[in-house]
Amino acid sequence: MNKQTILEQLDIHHAEFRHLIGSLNETEYLAAHVGKWNAGQQLDHICRSVGPVNLAFDLPGFLLRLLFGKANRSSRSYEGLVEKYKTKLAEGGRASGPFIPLHAQWGKREKLLRKLEHLVSALKRKVEKTDDNQLDTLILPHPLLGKLTLREMLYFTIYHVQHHQNLVLRNLDKTN
């Protein structure tokens, strides 16, 4: 996926997710099955996930190299990254630490929706300024997937929001 397509996909899928969450009433937003996150928690989780990626793109390349090293392989394809993520989930992988959402509150929905919109807009601006070569040579740690190139982290960010949108829709299906 080239950089322009990545930017478009980030925008499209996060906008779809925000639209879905924004269309929910309070009951739908807060409804969850035992052991599952409700839509509000899904939104919080996506904000918590996009935030660090956004921050990483603020750092100069030399600092990312110093902190995390340099890629020793080519970037996976979007499909390859998605397959690896699905495999990790099937093996029991789950969110941990700072990525676990707080208890959802209806009154904070609009604030979280604006926060996500801001985070994605800022991330897109930073990606536009990032050299294509850096997308494939600089790496970041992912808590479940290990070291990912910047390009792969963007692929993850695109797929991740779709995954959680599907979880929201599945939860609504079981609720209605």
Protein backbone atom coordinates (compact mmCIF):
# COMPACT_ATOMS: atom_id res chain seq x y z
CA MET A 1 0.00 0.00 0.00
CA ASN A 2 1.52 3.35 -0.93
CA LYS A 3 1.50 6.32 1.40
CA GLN A 4 -1.49 8.02 -0.28
CA THR A 5 -3.58 4.87 0.04
CA ILE A 6 -2.56 4.50 3.69
CA LEU A 7 -3.70 8.07 4.37
CA GLU A 8 -7.02 7.46 2.61
CA GLN A 9 -7.61 4.19 4.46
CA LEU A 10 -6.79 5.74 7.84
CA ASP A 11 -9.32 8.47 7.14
CA ILE A 12 -12.08 6.25 5.71
CA HIS A 13 -12.05 3.56 8.39
CA HIS A 14 -11.70 5.87 11.39
CA ALA A 15 -14.49 8.08 10.02
CA GLU A 16 -16.73 5.01 9.61
CA PHE A 17 -15.97 3.95 13.18
CA ARG A 18 -16.68 7.45 14.54
CA HIS A 19 -19.93 7.59 12.56
CA LEU A 20 -21.05 4.23 13.96
CA ILE A 21 -20.24 5.18 17.55
CA GLY A 22 -21.82 8.61 17.05
CA SER A 23 -25.05 7.01 15.81
CA LEU A 24 -25.56 4.89 18.93
CA ASN A 25 -28.01 5.79 21.64
CA GLU A 26 -26.99 5.59 25.29
CA THR A 27 -28.28 2.04 25.77
CA GLU A 28 -26.42 0.77 22.69
CA TYR A 29 -23.25 2.67 23.64
CA LEU A 30 -23.13 1.14 27.12
CA ALA A 31 -24.48 -2.37 26.36
CA ALA A 32 -22.05 -5.25 26.65
CA HIS A 33 -22.06 -8.95 27.21
CA VAL A 34 -20.23 -10.44 30.18
CA GLY A 35 -16.49 -10.23 29.66
CA LYS A 36 -16.80 -8.10 26.51
CA TRP A 37 -16.26 -4.39 25.97
CA ASN A 38 -19.13 -2.08 25.17
CA ALA A 39 -18.99 0.45 22.32
CA GLY A 40 -17.71 3.17 24.66
CA GLN A 41 -14.83 0.97 25.75
CA GLN A 42 -14.08 0.08 22.12
CA LEU A 43 -13.84 3.83 21.37
CA ASP A 44 -11.58 4.41 24.36
CA HIS A 45 -9.36 1.50 23.29
CA ILE A 46 -9.00 2.86 19.76
CA CYS A 47 -8.01 6.28 21.15
CA ARG A 48 -5.48 4.59 23.46
CA SER A 49 -4.08 2.67 20.47
CA VAL A 50 -3.82 5.54 17.97
CA GLY A 51 -2.30 7.91 20.53
CA PRO A 52 1.12 6.21 20.86
CA VAL A 53 1.40 5.76 17.07
CA ASN A 54 0.71 9.45 16.67
CA LEU A 55 3.38 10.27 19.27
CA ALA A 56 5.93 7.98 17.62
CA PHE A 57 5.57 9.90 14.35
CA ASP A 58 6.57 13.04 16.28
CA LEU A 59 9.98 11.59 17.07
CA PRO A 60 12.89 12.17 14.70
CA GLY A 61 14.06 9.13 12.74
CA PHE A 62 17.46 9.00 14.46
CA LEU A 63 15.75 8.76 17.85
CA LEU A 64 13.43 5.95 16.71
CA ARG A 65 16.51 4.12 15.38
CA LEU A 66 18.32 4.67 18.67
CA LEU A 67 15.36 3.52 20.78
CA PHE A 68 14.07 0.60 18.73
CA GLY A 69 16.64 -0.24 16.06
CA LYS A 70 16.27 -0.64 12.35
CA ALA A 71 14.26 -3.15 10.31
CA ASN A 72 16.16 -6.27 9.32
CA ARG A 73 13.48 -7.36 6.85
CA SER A 74 11.06 -5.86 4.34
CA SER A 75 7.68 -4.60 5.49
CA ARG A 76 4.93 -7.20 5.36
CA SER A 77 1.99 -6.59 3.07
CA TYR A 78 -1.26 -5.31 4.57
CA GLU A 79 -2.71 -8.81 4.19
CA GLY A 80 0.34 -10.36 5.84
CA LEU A 81 0.10 -8.01 8.81
CA VAL A 82 -3.64 -8.70 9.21
CA GLU A 83 -3.01 -12.44 9.09
CA LYS A 84 -0.33 -12.19 11.80
CA TYR A 85 -2.71 -10.15 14.01
CA LYS A 86 -5.55 -12.64 13.54
CA THR A 87 -3.18 -15.49 14.42
CA LYS A 88 -2.09 -13.73 17.62
CA LEU A 89 -5.73 -13.14 18.59
CA ALA A 90 -6.57 -16.79 17.91
CA GLU A 91 -3.69 -17.77 20.20
CA GLY A 92 -5.33 -15.77 22.99
CA GLY A 93 -3.67 -12.39 22.52
CA ARG A 94 -5.51 -9.53 24.19
CA ALA A 95 -5.02 -5.86 24.98
CA SER A 96 -2.91 -5.18 28.03
CA GLY A 97 -1.68 -2.40 30.28
CA PRO A 98 -2.38 1.12 29.05
CA PHE A 99 -4.49 -0.17 26.13
CA ILE A 100 -7.24 -1.53 28.37
CA PRO A 101 -10.16 0.91 28.29
CA LEU A 102 -11.76 2.56 31.26
CA HIS A 103 -15.38 2.15 32.28
CA ALA A 104 -17.41 3.87 29.55
CA GLN A 105 -19.48 6.93 30.37
CA TRP A 106 -22.16 8.25 28.05
CA GLY A 107 -21.25 11.84 28.93
CA LYS A 108 -17.71 11.38 27.60
CA ARG A 109 -18.68 9.99 24.19
CA GLU A 110 -18.47 13.26 22.25
CA LYS A 111 -15.14 14.16 23.84
CA LEU A 112 -13.68 10.78 22.89
CA LEU A 113 -15.05 11.04 19.34
CA ARG A 114 -13.39 14.46 18.94
CA LYS A 115 -10.18 13.12 20.45
CA LEU A 116 -10.07 10.25 17.94
CA GLU A 117 -10.75 12.62 15.05
CA HIS A 118 -7.92 14.88 16.23
CA LEU A 119 -5.49 11.98 16.72
CA VAL A 120 -6.12 10.58 13.23
CA SER A 121 -5.87 14.02 11.60
CA ALA A 122 -2.57 14.69 13.36
CA LEU A 123 -1.26 11.23 12.46
CA LYS A 124 -2.12 11.76 8.80
CA ARG A 125 -0.26 15.10 8.73
CA LYS A 126 2.81 13.43 10.22
CA VAL A 127 2.68 10.48 7.83
CA GLU A 128 2.49 12.88 4.88
CA LYS A 129 5.82 14.36 6.01
CA THR A 130 7.48 10.99 6.58
CA ASP A 131 9.89 9.73 3.95
CA ASP A 132 8.76 6.49 2.26
CA ASN A 133 12.10 4.89 3.05
CA GLN A 134 11.58 5.58 6.77
CA LEU A 135 8.21 3.82 6.65
CA ASP A 136 10.05 0.61 5.75
CA THR A 137 13.26 0.96 7.77
CA LEU A 138 12.22 2.45 11.12
CA ILE A 139 10.52 0.18 13.62
CA LEU A 140 8.24 0.46 16.62
CA PRO A 141 7.37 -2.12 19.27
CA HIS A 142 3.83 -3.49 19.28
CA PRO A 143 2.70 -5.20 22.51
CA LEU A 144 1.21 -8.18 20.69
CA LEU A 145 2.97 -8.30 17.30
CA GLY A 146 6.54 -7.43 18.29
CA LYS A 147 8.64 -5.09 16.18
CA LEU A 148 6.78 -3.54 13.25
CA THR A 149 7.98 -1.14 10.59
CA LEU A 150 6.23 2.22 10.58
CA ARG A 151 4.34 1.08 7.46
CA GLU A 152 3.20 -2.08 9.24
CA MET A 153 2.11 -0.05 12.27
CA LEU A 154 -0.03 2.07 9.98
CA TYR A 155 -1.48 -1.09 8.40
CA PHE A 156 -2.27 -2.31 11.90
CA THR A 157 -3.92 1.01 12.77
CA ILE A 158 -6.13 0.74 9.67
CA TYR A 159 -7.14 -2.85 10.34
CA HIS A 160 -7.44 -2.45 14.11
CA VAL A 161 -10.25 0.11 13.89
CA GLN A 162 -12.13 -2.14 11.45
CA HIS A 163 -11.73 -5.08 13.81
CA HIS A 164 -13.20 -3.09 16.70
CA GLN A 165 -15.99 -1.70 14.53
CA ASN A 166 -16.95 -5.30 13.73
CA LEU A 167 -16.91 -6.12 17.46
CA VAL A 168 -19.29 -3.21 18.13
CA LEU A 169 -21.61 -4.38 15.35
CA ARG A 170 -21.50 -7.97 16.61
CA ASN A 171 -22.32 -6.80 20.15
CA LEU A 172 -25.27 -4.74 18.83
CA ASP A 173 -26.51 -7.74 16.88
CA LYS A 174 -26.61 -9.82 20.05
CA THR A 175 -28.17 -6.97 22.02
CA ASN A 176 -31.12 -6.40 19.67
